[in-house]
PDB file of N, CA and C in Angstrom:
ATOM      1  N   UNK A   1     -53.049 -35.148  23.469  1.00  0.00           N
ATOM      2  CA  UNK A   1     -52.484 -35.825  24.607  1.00  0.00           C
ATOM      3  C   UNK A   1     -53.470 -35.695  25.761  1.00  0.00           C
ATOM      4  N   UNK A   2     -53.779 -36.825  26.372  1.00  0.00           N
ATOM      5  CA  UNK A   2     -54.632 -36.837  27.550  1.00  0.00           C
ATOM      6  C   UNK A   2     -53.752 -37.037  28.768  1.00  0.00           C
ATOM      7  N   UNK A   3     -53.980 -36.248  29.810  1.00  0.00           N
ATOM      8  CA  UNK A   3     -53.202 -36.443  31.032  1.00  0.00           C
ATOM      9  C   UNK A   3     -54.098 -36.216  32.238  1.00  0.00           C
ATOM     10  N   UNK A   4     -53.785 -36.941  33.300  1.00  0.00           N
ATOM     11  CA  UNK A   4     -54.583 -36.872  34.518  1.00  0.00           C
ATOM     12  C   UNK A   4     -53.690 -37.183  35.704  1.00  0.00           C
ATOM     13  N   UNK A   5     -54.083 -36.671  36.852  1.00  0.00           N
ATOM     14  CA  UNK A   5     -53.367 -36.949  38.095  1.00  0.00           C
ATOM     15  C   UNK A   5     -54.372 -37.396  39.145  1.00  0.00           C
ATOM     16  N   UNK A   6     -53.936 -38.281  39.992  1.00  0.00           N
ATOM     17  CA  UNK A   6     -54.723 -38.691  41.153  1.00  0.00           C
ATOM     18  C   UNK A   6     -53.840 -38.493  42.370  1.00  0.00           C
ATOM     19  N   UNK A   7     -54.287 -38.944  43.508  1.00  0.00           N
ATOM     20  CA  UNK A   7     -53.445 -38.827  44.707  1.00  0.00           C
ATOM     21  C   UNK A   7     -52.307 -39.842  44.677  1.00  0.00           C
ATOM     22  N   UNK A   8     -52.336 -40.794  43.742  1.00  0.00           N
ATOM     23  CA  UNK A   8     -51.306 -41.830  43.644  1.00  0.00           C
ATOM     24  C   UNK A   8     -50.212 -41.506  42.636  1.00  0.00           C
ATOM     25  N   UNK A   9     -50.585 -40.850  41.514  1.00  0.00           N
ATOM     26  CA  UNK A   9     -49.609 -40.601  40.466  1.00  0.00           C
ATOM     27  C   UNK A   9     -50.222 -39.914  39.264  1.00  0.00           C
ATOM     28  N   UNK A  10     -49.468 -39.907  38.163  1.00  0.00           N
ATOM     29  CA  UNK A  10     -49.932 -39.290  36.921  1.00  0.00           C
ATOM     30  C   UNK A  10     -50.022 -40.348  35.829  1.00  0.00           C
ATOM     31  N   UNK A  11     -50.910 -40.101  34.887  1.00  0.00           N
ATOM     32  CA  UNK A  11     -51.052 -40.969  33.735  1.00  0.00           C
ATOM     33  C   UNK A  11     -51.223 -40.121  32.493  1.00  0.00           C
ATOM     34  N   UNK A  12     -50.720 -40.615  31.365  1.00  0.00           N
ATOM     35  CA  UNK A  12     -50.812 -39.871  30.112  1.00  0.00           C
ATOM     36  C   UNK A  12     -51.011 -40.830  28.951  1.00  0.00           C
ATOM     37  N   UNK A  13     -51.731 -40.350  27.964  1.00  0.00           N
ATOM     38  CA  UNK A  13     -51.950 -41.107  26.738  1.00  0.00           C
ATOM     39  C   UNK A  13     -51.725 -40.161  25.566  1.00  0.00           C
ATOM     40  N   UNK A  14     -50.722 -40.462  24.772  1.00  0.00           N
ATOM     41  CA  UNK A  14     -50.452 -39.693  23.561  1.00  0.00           C
ATOM     42  C   UNK A  14     -51.265 -40.320  22.439  1.00  0.00           C
ATOM     43  N   UNK A  15     -52.093 -39.511  21.798  1.00  0.00           N
ATOM     44  CA  UNK A  15     -52.973 -40.012  20.746  1.00  0.00           C
ATOM     45  C   UNK A  15     -52.804 -39.192  19.482  1.00  0.00           C
ATOM     46  N   UNK A  16     -53.226 -39.785  18.380  1.00  0.00           N
ATOM     47  CA  UNK A  16     -53.203 -39.098  17.096  1.00  0.00           C
ATOM     48  C   UNK A  16     -54.621 -39.089  16.553  1.00  0.00           C
ATOM     49  N   UNK A  17     -55.029 -37.942  16.015  1.00  0.00           N
ATOM     50  CA  UNK A  17     -56.383 -37.783  15.489  1.00  0.00           C
ATOM     51  C   UNK A  17     -56.381 -38.050  13.985  1.00  0.00           C
ATOM     52  N   UNK A  18     -57.359 -38.841  13.512  1.00  0.00           N
ATOM     53  CA  UNK A  18     -57.456 -39.098  12.072  1.00  0.00           C
ATOM     54  C   UNK A  18     -58.330 -38.033  11.405  1.00  0.00           C
ATOM     55  N   UNK A  19     -58.598 -38.201  10.115  1.00  0.00           N
ATOM     56  CA  UNK A  19     -59.356 -37.206   9.353  1.00  0.00           C
ATOM     57  C   UNK A  19     -60.787 -37.042   9.843  1.00  0.00           C
ATOM     58  N   UNK A  20     -61.355 -38.095  10.430  1.00  0.00           N
ATOM     59  CA  UNK A  20     -62.723 -38.015  10.948  1.00  0.00           C
ATOM     60  C   UNK A  20     -62.779 -37.511  12.389  1.00  0.00           C
ATOM     61  N   UNK A  21     -61.629 -37.272  13.005  1.00  0.00           N
ATOM     62  CA  UNK A  21     -61.599 -36.776  14.377  1.00  0.00           C
ATOM     63  C   UNK A  21     -61.481 -37.852  15.436  1.00  0.00           C
ATOM     64  N   UNK A  22     -61.320 -39.094  15.031  1.00  0.00           N
ATOM     65  CA  UNK A  22     -61.163 -40.187  15.995  1.00  0.00           C
ATOM     66  C   UNK A  22     -59.743 -40.193  16.551  1.00  0.00           C
ATOM     67  N   UNK A  23     -59.629 -40.462  17.849  1.00  0.00           N
ATOM     68  CA  UNK A  23     -58.321 -40.525  18.497  1.00  0.00           C
ATOM     69  C   UNK A  23     -57.823 -41.960  18.540  1.00  0.00           C
ATOM     70  N   UNK A  24     -56.557 -42.140  18.170  1.00  0.00           N
ATOM     71  CA  UNK A  24     -55.920 -43.451  18.230  1.00  0.00           C
ATOM     72  C   UNK A  24     -54.679 -43.350  19.108  1.00  0.00           C
ATOM     73  N   UNK A  25     -54.566 -44.195  20.131  1.00  0.00           N
ATOM     74  CA  UNK A  25     -53.421 -44.102  21.043  1.00  0.00           C
ATOM     75  C   UNK A  25     -52.111 -44.464  20.355  1.00  0.00           C
ATOM     76  N   UNK A  26     -51.077 -43.695  20.691  1.00  0.00           N
ATOM     77  CA  UNK A  26     -49.734 -43.929  20.184  1.00  0.00           C
ATOM     78  C   UNK A  26     -48.848 -44.482  21.288  1.00  0.00           C
ATOM     79  N   UNK A  27     -48.979 -43.904  22.483  1.00  0.00           N
ATOM     80  CA  UNK A  27     -48.133 -44.315  23.596  1.00  0.00           C
ATOM     81  C   UNK A  27     -48.826 -44.007  24.920  1.00  0.00           C
ATOM     82  N   UNK A  28     -48.507 -44.799  25.932  1.00  0.00           N
ATOM     83  CA  UNK A  28     -49.043 -44.620  27.278  1.00  0.00           C
ATOM     84  C   UNK A  28     -47.885 -44.464  28.246  1.00  0.00           C
ATOM     85  N   UNK A  29     -48.111 -43.708  29.329  1.00  0.00           N
ATOM     86  CA  UNK A  29     -47.078 -43.551  30.357  1.00  0.00           C
ATOM     87  C   UNK A  29     -47.745 -43.245  31.692  1.00  0.00           C
ATOM     88  N   UNK A  30     -47.087 -43.655  32.764  1.00  0.00           N
ATOM     89  CA  UNK A  30     -47.565 -43.325  34.104  1.00  0.00           C
ATOM     90  C   UNK A  30     -46.378 -43.252  35.050  1.00  0.00           C
ATOM     91  N   UNK A  31     -46.576 -42.549  36.147  1.00  0.00           N
ATOM     92  CA  UNK A  31     -45.541 -42.414  37.162  1.00  0.00           C
ATOM     93  C   UNK A  31     -46.215 -42.319  38.523  1.00  0.00           C
ATOM     94  N   UNK A  32     -45.661 -43.018  39.486  1.00  0.00           N
ATOM     95  CA  UNK A  32     -46.173 -42.985  40.850  1.00  0.00           C
ATOM     96  C   UNK A  32     -45.610 -41.762  41.566  1.00  0.00           C
ATOM     97  N   UNK A  33     -46.439 -41.093  42.371  1.00  0.00           N
ATOM     98  CA  UNK A  33     -45.979 -39.957  43.162  1.00  0.00           C
ATOM     99  C   UNK A  33     -45.173 -40.419  44.356  1.00  0.00           C
ATOM    100  N   UNK A  34     -44.167 -39.618  44.730  1.00  0.00           N
ATOM    101  CA  UNK A  34     -43.462 -39.877  45.982  1.00  0.00           C
ATOM    102  C   UNK A  34     -44.257 -39.234  47.124  1.00  0.00           C
ATOM    103  N   UNK A  35     -43.780 -39.342  48.347  1.00  0.00           N
ATOM    104  CA  UNK A  35     -44.520 -38.845  49.516  1.00  0.00           C
ATOM    105  C   UNK A  35     -44.759 -37.337  49.452  1.00  0.00           C
ATOM    106  N   UNK A  36     -43.773 -36.579  49.002  1.00  0.00           N
ATOM    107  CA  UNK A  36     -43.922 -35.123  48.915  1.00  0.00           C
ATOM    108  C   UNK A  36     -44.967 -34.760  47.864  1.00  0.00           C
ATOM    109  N   UNK A  37     -44.897 -35.395  46.702  1.00  0.00           N
ATOM    110  CA  UNK A  37     -45.839 -35.099  45.627  1.00  0.00           C
ATOM    111  C   UNK A  37     -47.268 -35.462  46.009  1.00  0.00           C
ATOM    112  N   UNK A  38     -47.448 -36.474  46.831  1.00  0.00           N
ATOM    113  CA  UNK A  38     -48.790 -36.858  47.269  1.00  0.00           C
ATOM    114  C   UNK A  38     -49.440 -35.773  48.120  1.00  0.00           C
ATOM    115  N   UNK A  39     -48.636 -34.897  48.725  1.00  0.00           N
ATOM    116  CA  UNK A  39     -49.168 -33.825  49.563  1.00  0.00           C
ATOM    117  C   UNK A  39     -49.425 -32.531  48.796  1.00  0.00           C
ATOM    118  N   UNK A  40     -49.113 -32.493  47.509  1.00  0.00           N
ATOM    119  CA  UNK A  40     -49.361 -31.298  46.710  1.00  0.00           C
ATOM    120  C   UNK A  40     -50.860 -31.033  46.606  1.00  0.00           C
ATOM    121  N   UNK A  41     -51.200 -29.781  46.349  1.00  0.00           N
ATOM    122  CA  UNK A  41     -52.590 -29.411  46.074  1.00  0.00           C
ATOM    123  C   UNK A  41     -53.007 -30.019  44.733  1.00  0.00           C
ATOM    124  N   UNK A  42     -54.297 -30.144  44.529  1.00  0.00           N
ATOM    125  CA  UNK A  42     -54.810 -30.755  43.298  1.00  0.00           C
ATOM    126  C   UNK A  42     -54.329 -30.013  42.057  1.00  0.00           C
ATOM    127  N   UNK A  43     -54.349 -28.692  42.082  1.00  0.00           N
ATOM    128  CA  UNK A  43     -53.906 -27.916  40.918  1.00  0.00           C
ATOM    129  C   UNK A  43     -52.441 -28.198  40.605  1.00  0.00           C
ATOM    130  N   UNK A  44     -51.623 -28.390  41.638  1.00  0.00           N
ATOM    131  CA  UNK A  44     -50.205 -28.681  41.415  1.00  0.00           C
ATOM    132  C   UNK A  44     -50.017 -30.076  40.836  1.00  0.00           C
ATOM    133  N   UNK A  45     -50.776 -31.054  41.323  1.00  0.00           N
ATOM    134  CA  UNK A  45     -50.666 -32.415  40.778  1.00  0.00           C
ATOM    135  C   UNK A  45     -51.109 -32.445  39.321  1.00  0.00           C
ATOM    136  N   UNK A  46     -52.199 -31.755  39.014  1.00  0.00           N
ATOM    137  CA  UNK A  46     -52.702 -31.742  37.635  1.00  0.00           C
ATOM    138  C   UNK A  46     -51.758 -30.977  36.704  1.00  0.00           C
ATOM    139  N   UNK A  47     -51.201 -29.870  37.178  1.00  0.00           N
ATOM    140  CA  UNK A  47     -50.235 -29.120  36.364  1.00  0.00           C
ATOM    141  C   UNK A  47     -48.973 -29.945  36.147  1.00  0.00           C
ATOM    142  N   UNK A  48     -48.532 -30.650  37.179  1.00  0.00           N
ATOM    143  CA  UNK A  48     -47.365 -31.527  37.033  1.00  0.00           C
ATOM    144  C   UNK A  48     -47.642 -32.610  35.994  1.00  0.00           C
ATOM    145  N   UNK A  49     -48.870 -33.113  35.960  1.00  0.00           N
ATOM    146  CA  UNK A  49     -49.222 -34.135  34.971  1.00  0.00           C
ATOM    147  C   UNK A  49     -49.026 -33.606  33.555  1.00  0.00           C
ATOM    148  N   UNK A  50     -49.389 -32.355  33.321  1.00  0.00           N
ATOM    149  CA  UNK A  50     -49.214 -31.756  31.995  1.00  0.00           C
ATOM    150  C   UNK A  50     -47.727 -31.619  31.668  1.00  0.00           C
ATOM    151  N   UNK A  51     -46.966 -31.047  32.602  1.00  0.00           N
ATOM    152  CA  UNK A  51     -45.532 -30.833  32.369  1.00  0.00           C
ATOM    153  C   UNK A  51     -44.810 -32.163  32.199  1.00  0.00           C
ATOM    154  N   UNK A  52     -45.108 -33.119  33.048  1.00  0.00           N
ATOM    155  CA  UNK A  52     -44.462 -34.433  32.981  1.00  0.00           C
ATOM    156  C   UNK A  52     -44.793 -35.128  31.659  1.00  0.00           C
ATOM    157  N   UNK A  53     -46.058 -35.038  31.232  1.00  0.00           N
ATOM    158  CA  UNK A  53     -46.481 -35.685  29.983  1.00  0.00           C
ATOM    159  C   UNK A  53     -45.772 -35.086  28.777  1.00  0.00           C
ATOM    160  N   UNK A  54     -45.675 -33.764  28.751  1.00  0.00           N
ATOM    161  CA  UNK A  54     -44.991 -33.097  27.638  1.00  0.00           C
ATOM    162  C   UNK A  54     -43.529 -33.534  27.584  1.00  0.00           C
ATOM    163  N   UNK A  55     -42.875 -33.561  28.739  1.00  0.00           N
ATOM    164  CA  UNK A  55     -41.463 -33.972  28.764  1.00  0.00           C
ATOM    165  C   UNK A  55     -41.309 -35.444  28.388  1.00  0.00           C
ATOM    166  N   UNK A  56     -42.234 -36.274  28.827  1.00  0.00           N
ATOM    167  CA  UNK A  56     -42.165 -37.710  28.538  1.00  0.00           C
ATOM    168  C   UNK A  56     -42.279 -37.978  27.033  1.00  0.00           C
ATOM    169  N   UNK A  57     -43.159 -37.247  26.372  1.00  0.00           N
ATOM    170  CA  UNK A  57     -43.404 -37.465  24.944  1.00  0.00           C
ATOM    171  C   UNK A  57     -42.769 -36.381  24.072  1.00  0.00           C
ATOM    172  N   UNK A  58     -41.741 -35.707  24.580  1.00  0.00           N
ATOM    173  CA  UNK A  58     -41.145 -34.575  23.866  1.00  0.00           C
ATOM    174  C   UNK A  58     -40.645 -34.960  22.474  1.00  0.00           C
ATOM    175  N   UNK A  59     -40.090 -36.134  22.329  1.00  0.00           N
ATOM    176  CA  UNK A  59     -39.593 -36.560  21.011  1.00  0.00           C
ATOM    177  C   UNK A  59     -40.713 -36.661  19.987  1.00  0.00           C
ATOM    178  N   UNK A  60     -41.919 -36.938  20.443  1.00  0.00           N
ATOM    179  CA  UNK A  60     -43.060 -37.053  19.538  1.00  0.00           C
ATOM    180  C   UNK A  60     -43.692 -35.695  19.228  1.00  0.00           C
ATOM    181  N   UNK A  61     -43.742 -34.806  20.218  1.00  0.00           N
ATOM    182  CA  UNK A  61     -44.593 -33.622  20.111  1.00  0.00           C
ATOM    183  C   UNK A  61     -43.861 -32.308  19.880  1.00  0.00           C
ATOM    184  N   UNK A  62     -42.547 -32.266  20.027  1.00  0.00           N
ATOM    185  CA  UNK A  62     -41.847 -30.985  19.897  1.00  0.00           C
ATOM    186  C   UNK A  62     -42.024 -30.436  18.488  1.00  0.00           C
ATOM    187  N   UNK A  63     -42.450 -29.194  18.399  1.00  0.00           N
ATOM    188  CA  UNK A  63     -42.664 -28.543  17.115  1.00  0.00           C
ATOM    189  C   UNK A  63     -44.050 -28.743  16.539  1.00  0.00           C
ATOM    190  N   UNK A  64     -44.870 -29.551  17.172  1.00  0.00           N
ATOM    191  CA  UNK A  64     -46.222 -29.810  16.682  1.00  0.00           C
ATOM    192  C   UNK A  64     -47.244 -29.035  17.511  1.00  0.00           C
ATOM    193  N   UNK A  65     -48.434 -28.879  16.974  1.00  0.00           N
ATOM    194  CA  UNK A  65     -49.543 -28.331  17.749  1.00  0.00           C
ATOM    195  C   UNK A  65     -50.037 -29.424  18.686  1.00  0.00           C
ATOM    196  N   UNK A  66     -50.080 -29.121  19.977  1.00  0.00           N
ATOM    197  CA  UNK A  66     -50.431 -30.127  20.974  1.00  0.00           C
ATOM    198  C   UNK A  66     -51.724 -29.725  21.662  1.00  0.00           C
ATOM    199  N   UNK A  67     -52.693 -30.618  21.636  1.00  0.00           N
ATOM    200  CA  UNK A  67     -53.919 -30.410  22.400  1.00  0.00           C
ATOM    201  C   UNK A  67     -53.816 -31.237  23.675  1.00  0.00           C
ATOM    202  N   UNK A  68     -53.808 -30.565  24.815  1.00  0.00           N
ATOM    203  CA  UNK A  68     -53.783 -31.230  26.113  1.00  0.00           C
ATOM    204  C   UNK A  68     -55.223 -31.350  26.583  1.00  0.00           C
ATOM    205  N   UNK A  69     -55.673 -32.567  26.802  1.00  0.00           N
ATOM    206  CA  UNK A  69     -57.028 -32.802  27.287  1.00  0.00           C
ATOM    207  C   UNK A  69     -56.928 -33.223  28.745  1.00  0.00           C
ATOM    208  N   UNK A  70     -57.598 -32.485  29.623  1.00  0.00           N
ATOM    209  CA  UNK A  70     -57.523 -32.744  31.049  1.00  0.00           C
ATOM    210  C   UNK A  70     -58.905 -32.631  31.683  1.00  0.00           C
ATOM    211  N   UNK A  71     -59.075 -33.257  32.828  1.00  0.00           N
ATOM    212  CA  UNK A  71     -60.342 -33.170  33.552  1.00  0.00           C
ATOM    213  C   UNK A  71     -60.358 -31.979  34.504  1.00  0.00           C
ATOM    214  N   UNK A  72     -59.214 -31.355  34.710  1.00  0.00           N
ATOM    215  CA  UNK A  72     -59.096 -30.273  35.690  1.00  0.00           C
ATOM    216  C   UNK A  72     -59.237 -28.930  34.979  1.00  0.00           C
ATOM    217  N   UNK A  73     -60.424 -28.357  35.022  1.00  0.00           N
ATOM    218  CA  UNK A  73     -60.727 -27.122  34.302  1.00  0.00           C
ATOM    219  C   UNK A  73     -59.845 -25.934  34.705  1.00  0.00           C
ATOM    220  N   UNK A  74     -59.452 -25.763  35.979  1.00  0.00           N
ATOM    221  CA  UNK A  74     -58.603 -24.618  36.335  1.00  0.00           C
ATOM    222  C   UNK A  74     -57.238 -24.592  35.641  1.00  0.00           C
ATOM    223  N   UNK A  75     -56.813 -25.688  35.031  1.00  0.00           N
ATOM    224  CA  UNK A  75     -55.522 -25.679  34.329  1.00  0.00           C
ATOM    225  C   UNK A  75     -55.523 -24.744  33.125  1.00  0.00           C
ATOM    226  N   UNK A  76     -56.687 -24.442  32.613  1.00  0.00           N
ATOM    227  CA  UNK A  76     -56.772 -23.573  31.440  1.00  0.00           C
ATOM    228  C   UNK A  76     -56.169 -22.204  31.747  1.00  0.00           C
ATOM    229  N   UNK A  77     -56.225 -21.773  33.015  1.00  0.00           N
ATOM    230  CA  UNK A  77     -55.696 -20.460  33.368  1.00  0.00           C
ATOM    231  C   UNK A  77     -54.177 -20.395  33.237  1.00  0.00           C
ATOM    232  N   UNK A  78     -53.481 -21.526  33.208  1.00  0.00           N
ATOM    233  CA  UNK A  78     -52.026 -21.505  33.055  1.00  0.00           C
ATOM    234  C   UNK A  78     -51.604 -20.809  31.766  1.00  0.00           C
ATOM    235  N   UNK A  79     -52.448 -20.860  30.757  1.00  0.00           N
ATOM    236  CA  UNK A  79     -52.138 -20.218  29.484  1.00  0.00           C
ATOM    237  C   UNK A  79     -52.531 -18.744  29.463  1.00  0.00           C
ATOM    238  N   UNK A  80     -53.436 -18.341  30.362  1.00  0.00           N
ATOM    239  CA  UNK A  80     -54.023 -17.010  30.261  1.00  0.00           C
ATOM    240  C   UNK A  80     -53.475 -15.997  31.254  1.00  0.00           C
ATOM    241  N   UNK A  81     -53.032 -16.434  32.420  1.00  0.00           N
ATOM    242  CA  UNK A  81     -52.535 -15.487  33.416  1.00  0.00           C
ATOM    243  C   UNK A  81     -51.399 -16.119  34.212  1.00  0.00           C
ATOM    244  N   UNK A  82     -50.665 -15.272  34.900  1.00  0.00           N
ATOM    245  CA  UNK A  82     -49.521 -15.750  35.690  1.00  0.00           C
ATOM    246  C   UNK A  82     -50.013 -16.326  37.016  1.00  0.00           C
ATOM    247  N   UNK A  83     -49.678 -17.574  37.310  1.00  0.00           N
ATOM    248  CA  UNK A  83     -50.087 -18.172  38.582  1.00  0.00           C
ATOM    249  C   UNK A  83     -49.379 -17.510  39.763  1.00  0.00           C
ATOM    250  N   UNK A  84     -49.978 -17.597  40.943  1.00  0.00           N
ATOM    251  CA  UNK A  84     -49.403 -17.010  42.150  1.00  0.00           C
ATOM    252  C   UNK A  84     -48.287 -17.873  42.725  1.00  0.00           C
ATOM    253  N   UNK A  85     -48.406 -19.158  42.616  1.00  0.00           N
ATOM    254  CA  UNK A  85     -47.417 -20.082  43.172  1.00  0.00           C
ATOM    255  C   UNK A  85     -46.144 -20.079  42.321  1.00  0.00           C
ATOM    256  N   UNK A  86     -44.992 -20.057  42.991  1.00  0.00           N
ATOM    257  CA  UNK A  86     -43.715 -20.082  42.264  1.00  0.00           C
ATOM    258  C   UNK A  86     -43.559 -21.373  41.470  1.00  0.00           C
ATOM    259  N   UNK A  87     -44.019 -22.476  42.032  1.00  0.00           N
ATOM    260  CA  UNK A  87     -43.930 -23.770  41.349  1.00  0.00           C
ATOM    261  C   UNK A  87     -44.754 -23.750  40.065  1.00  0.00           C
ATOM    262  N   UNK A  88     -45.986 -23.234  40.144  1.00  0.00           N
ATOM    263  CA  UNK A  88     -46.835 -23.162  38.958  1.00  0.00           C
ATOM    264  C   UNK A  88     -46.279 -22.179  37.933  1.00  0.00           C
ATOM    265  N   UNK A  89     -45.646 -21.104  38.397  1.00  0.00           N
ATOM    266  CA  UNK A  89     -45.021 -20.157  37.470  1.00  0.00           C
ATOM    267  C   UNK A  89     -43.885 -20.816  36.695  1.00  0.00           C
ATOM    268  N   UNK A  90     -43.062 -21.596  37.380  1.00  0.00           N
ATOM    269  CA  UNK A  90     -41.964 -22.305  36.697  1.00  0.00           C
ATOM    270  C   UNK A  90     -42.510 -23.260  35.652  1.00  0.00           C
ATOM    271  N   UNK A  91     -43.558 -23.987  36.002  1.00  0.00           N
ATOM    272  CA  UNK A  91     -44.130 -24.942  35.057  1.00  0.00           C
ATOM    273  C   UNK A  91     -44.790 -24.232  33.887  1.00  0.00           C
ATOM    274  N   UNK A  92     -45.465 -23.102  34.144  1.00  0.00           N
ATOM    275  CA  UNK A  92     -46.080 -22.336  33.054  1.00  0.00           C
ATOM    276  C   UNK A  92     -45.003 -21.821  32.099  1.00  0.00           C
ATOM    277  N   UNK A  93     -43.876 -21.380  32.640  1.00  0.00           N
ATOM    278  CA  UNK A  93     -42.761 -20.936  31.794  1.00  0.00           C
ATOM    279  C   UNK A  93     -42.175 -22.094  30.987  1.00  0.00           C
ATOM    280  N   UNK A  94     -42.075 -23.260  31.602  1.00  0.00           N
ATOM    281  CA  UNK A  94     -41.539 -24.432  30.894  1.00  0.00           C
ATOM    282  C   UNK A  94     -42.439 -24.831  29.727  1.00  0.00           C
ATOM    283  N   UNK A  95     -43.739 -24.600  29.855  1.00  0.00           N
ATOM    284  CA  UNK A  95     -44.679 -24.978  28.796  1.00  0.00           C
ATOM    285  C   UNK A  95     -44.699 -23.981  27.642  1.00  0.00           C
ATOM    286  N   UNK A  96     -44.125 -22.802  27.827  1.00  0.00           N
ATOM    287  CA  UNK A  96     -44.172 -21.778  26.785  1.00  0.00           C
ATOM    288  C   UNK A  96     -43.377 -22.145  25.542  1.00  0.00           C
ATOM    289  N   UNK A  97     -42.449 -23.052  25.646  1.00  0.00           N
ATOM    290  CA  UNK A  97     -41.668 -23.434  24.461  1.00  0.00           C
ATOM    291  C   UNK A  97     -42.429 -24.385  23.540  1.00  0.00           C
ATOM    292  N   UNK A  98     -43.597 -24.825  23.977  1.00  0.00           N
ATOM    293  CA  UNK A  98     -44.420 -25.732  23.179  1.00  0.00           C
ATOM    294  C   UNK A  98     -45.665 -24.998  22.691  1.00  0.00           C
ATOM    295  N   UNK A  99     -46.188 -25.444  21.575  1.00  0.00           N
ATOM    296  CA  UNK A  99     -47.415 -24.874  21.032  1.00  0.00           C
ATOM    297  C   UNK A  99     -48.588 -25.714  21.541  1.00  0.00           C
ATOM    298  N   UNK A 100     -49.062 -25.375  22.752  1.00  0.00           N
ATOM    299  CA  UNK A 100     -50.097 -26.201  23.371  1.00  0.00           C
ATOM    300  C   UNK A 100     -51.410 -25.445  23.492  1.00  0.00           C
ATOM    301  N   UNK A 101     -52.468 -26.220  23.522  1.00  0.00           N
ATOM    302  CA  UNK A 101     -53.812 -25.725  23.811  1.00  0.00           C
ATOM    303  C   UNK A 101     -54.406 -26.682  24.837  1.00  0.00           C
ATOM    304  N   UNK A 102     -54.784 -26.151  25.994  1.00  0.00           N
ATOM    305  CA  UNK A 102     -55.345 -26.985  27.058  1.00  0.00           C
ATOM    306  C   UNK A 102     -56.855 -26.917  26.974  1.00  0.00           C
ATOM    307  N   UNK A 103     -57.500 -28.079  26.910  1.00  0.00           N
ATOM    308  CA  UNK A 103     -58.957 -28.131  26.872  1.00  0.00           C
ATOM    309  C   UNK A 103     -59.471 -29.063  27.963  1.00  0.00           C
ATOM    310  N   UNK A 104     -60.697 -28.797  28.382  1.00  0.00           N
ATOM    311  CA  UNK A 104     -61.318 -29.560  29.460  1.00  0.00           C
ATOM    312  C   UNK A 104     -62.194 -30.665  28.886  1.00  0.00           C
ATOM    313  N   UNK A 105     -62.210 -31.793  29.562  1.00  0.00           N
ATOM    314  CA  UNK A 105     -63.038 -32.934  29.177  1.00  0.00           C
ATOM    315  C   UNK A 105     -63.618 -33.532  30.455  1.00  0.00           C
ATOM    316  N   UNK A 106     -64.895 -33.888  30.475  1.00  0.00           N
ATOM    317  CA  UNK A 106     -65.451 -34.528  31.673  1.00  0.00           C
ATOM    318  C   UNK A 106     -64.689 -35.803  32.022  1.00  0.00           C
ATOM    319  N   UNK A 107     -64.556 -36.071  33.313  1.00  0.00           N
ATOM    320  CA  UNK A 107     -63.754 -37.196  33.792  1.00  0.00           C
ATOM    321  C   UNK A 107     -64.166 -38.547  33.246  1.00  0.00           C
ATOM    322  N   UNK A 108     -65.450 -38.748  33.020  1.00  0.00           N
ATOM    323  CA  UNK A 108     -65.923 -40.042  32.530  1.00  0.00           C
ATOM    324  C   UNK A 108     -65.435 -40.336  31.113  1.00  0.00           C
ATOM    325  N   UNK A 109     -65.070 -39.303  30.362  1.00  0.00           N
ATOM    326  CA  UNK A 109     -64.627 -39.493  28.984  1.00  0.00           C
ATOM    327  C   UNK A 109     -63.114 -39.622  28.852  1.00  0.00           C
ATOM    328  N   UNK A 110     -62.388 -39.410  29.929  1.00  0.00           N
ATOM    329  CA  UNK A 110     -60.921 -39.436  29.896  1.00  0.00           C
ATOM    330  C   UNK A 110     -60.430 -40.710  30.575  1.00  0.00           C
ATOM    331  N   UNK A 111     -60.784 -41.840  30.013  1.00  0.00           N
ATOM    332  CA  UNK A 111     -60.544 -43.123  30.680  1.00  0.00           C
ATOM    333  C   UNK A 111     -59.096 -43.591  30.620  1.00  0.00           C
ATOM    334  N   UNK A 112     -58.400 -43.361  29.519  1.00  0.00           N
ATOM    335  CA  UNK A 112     -57.023 -43.857  29.393  1.00  0.00           C
ATOM    336  C   UNK A 112     -56.110 -43.263  30.448  1.00  0.00           C
ATOM    337  N   UNK A 113     -56.021 -41.945  30.489  1.00  0.00           N
ATOM    338  CA  UNK A 113     -55.123 -41.286  31.440  1.00  0.00           C
ATOM    339  C   UNK A 113     -55.603 -41.469  32.871  1.00  0.00           C
ATOM    340  N   UNK A 114     -56.914 -41.458  33.075  1.00  0.00           N
ATOM    341  CA  UNK A 114     -57.456 -41.623  34.421  1.00  0.00           C
ATOM    342  C   UNK A 114     -57.097 -42.987  34.990  1.00  0.00           C
ATOM    343  N   UNK A 115     -57.241 -44.013  34.199  1.00  0.00           N
ATOM    344  CA  UNK A 115     -56.890 -45.359  34.665  1.00  0.00           C
ATOM    345  C   UNK A 115     -55.416 -45.503  34.971  1.00  0.00           C
ATOM    346  N   UNK A 116     -54.571 -44.912  34.133  1.00  0.00           N
ATOM    347  CA  UNK A 116     -53.126 -44.994  34.363  1.00  0.00           C
ATOM    348  C   UNK A 116     -52.703 -44.230  35.613  1.00  0.00           C
ATOM    349  N   UNK A 117     -53.380 -43.130  35.923  1.00  0.00           N
ATOM    350  CA  UNK A 117     -52.994 -42.339  37.095  1.00  0.00           C
ATOM    351  C   UNK A 117     -53.398 -43.017  38.394  1.00  0.00           C
ATOM    352  N   UNK A 118     -54.320 -43.963  38.328  1.00  0.00           N
ATOM    353  CA  UNK A 118     -54.815 -44.609  39.543  1.00  0.00           C
ATOM    354  C   UNK A 118     -54.230 -46.000  39.787  1.00  0.00           C
ATOM    355  N   UNK A 119     -53.328 -46.441  38.921  1.00  0.00           N
ATOM    356  CA  UNK A 119     -52.686 -47.735  39.140  1.00  0.00           C
ATOM    357  C   UNK A 119     -51.884 -47.687  40.423  1.00  0.00           C
ATOM    358  N   UNK A 120     -52.101 -48.637  41.289  1.00  0.00           N
ATOM    359  CA  UNK A 120     -51.370 -48.660  42.551  1.00  0.00           C
ATOM    360  C   UNK A 120     -50.290 -49.725  42.492  1.00  0.00           C
ATOM    361  N   UNK A 121     -49.086 -49.313  42.787  1.00  0.00           N
ATOM    362  CA  UNK A 121     -47.948 -50.227  42.814  1.00  0.00           C
ATOM    363  C   UNK A 121     -47.315 -50.164  44.187  1.00  0.00           C
ATOM    364  N   UNK A 122     -46.756 -51.248  44.620  1.00  0.00           N
ATOM    365  CA  UNK A 122     -46.061 -51.260  45.909  1.00  0.00           C
ATOM    366  C   UNK A 122     -44.580 -51.106  45.719  1.00  0.00           C
TER     367      UNK A 122
END
């Protein structure tokens, strides 16, 4: 699953990997941020993108090994240590019921989720 956040919203792409390692998209989703969410710190927006994506695709991914691919490298710490922010702690606890692995990918290679997170709607 690829997920990304911008100052406008979140975008996610659920993909399936074939035997050769190629990713094929299964489903796409995006959500626009409200005024409060637009003021969140970058780490909070990116963490919300992960939590929102997991909940959005829960019917597909529950019980499976999930690889979360994100451009925000500090998200990897959510799996390794307890965050200081109460909001991030709640989200880290919510993710514990899933078998996830968060990995970093350069922004230029994460085009599906990045494009969906930047769609502007009125």
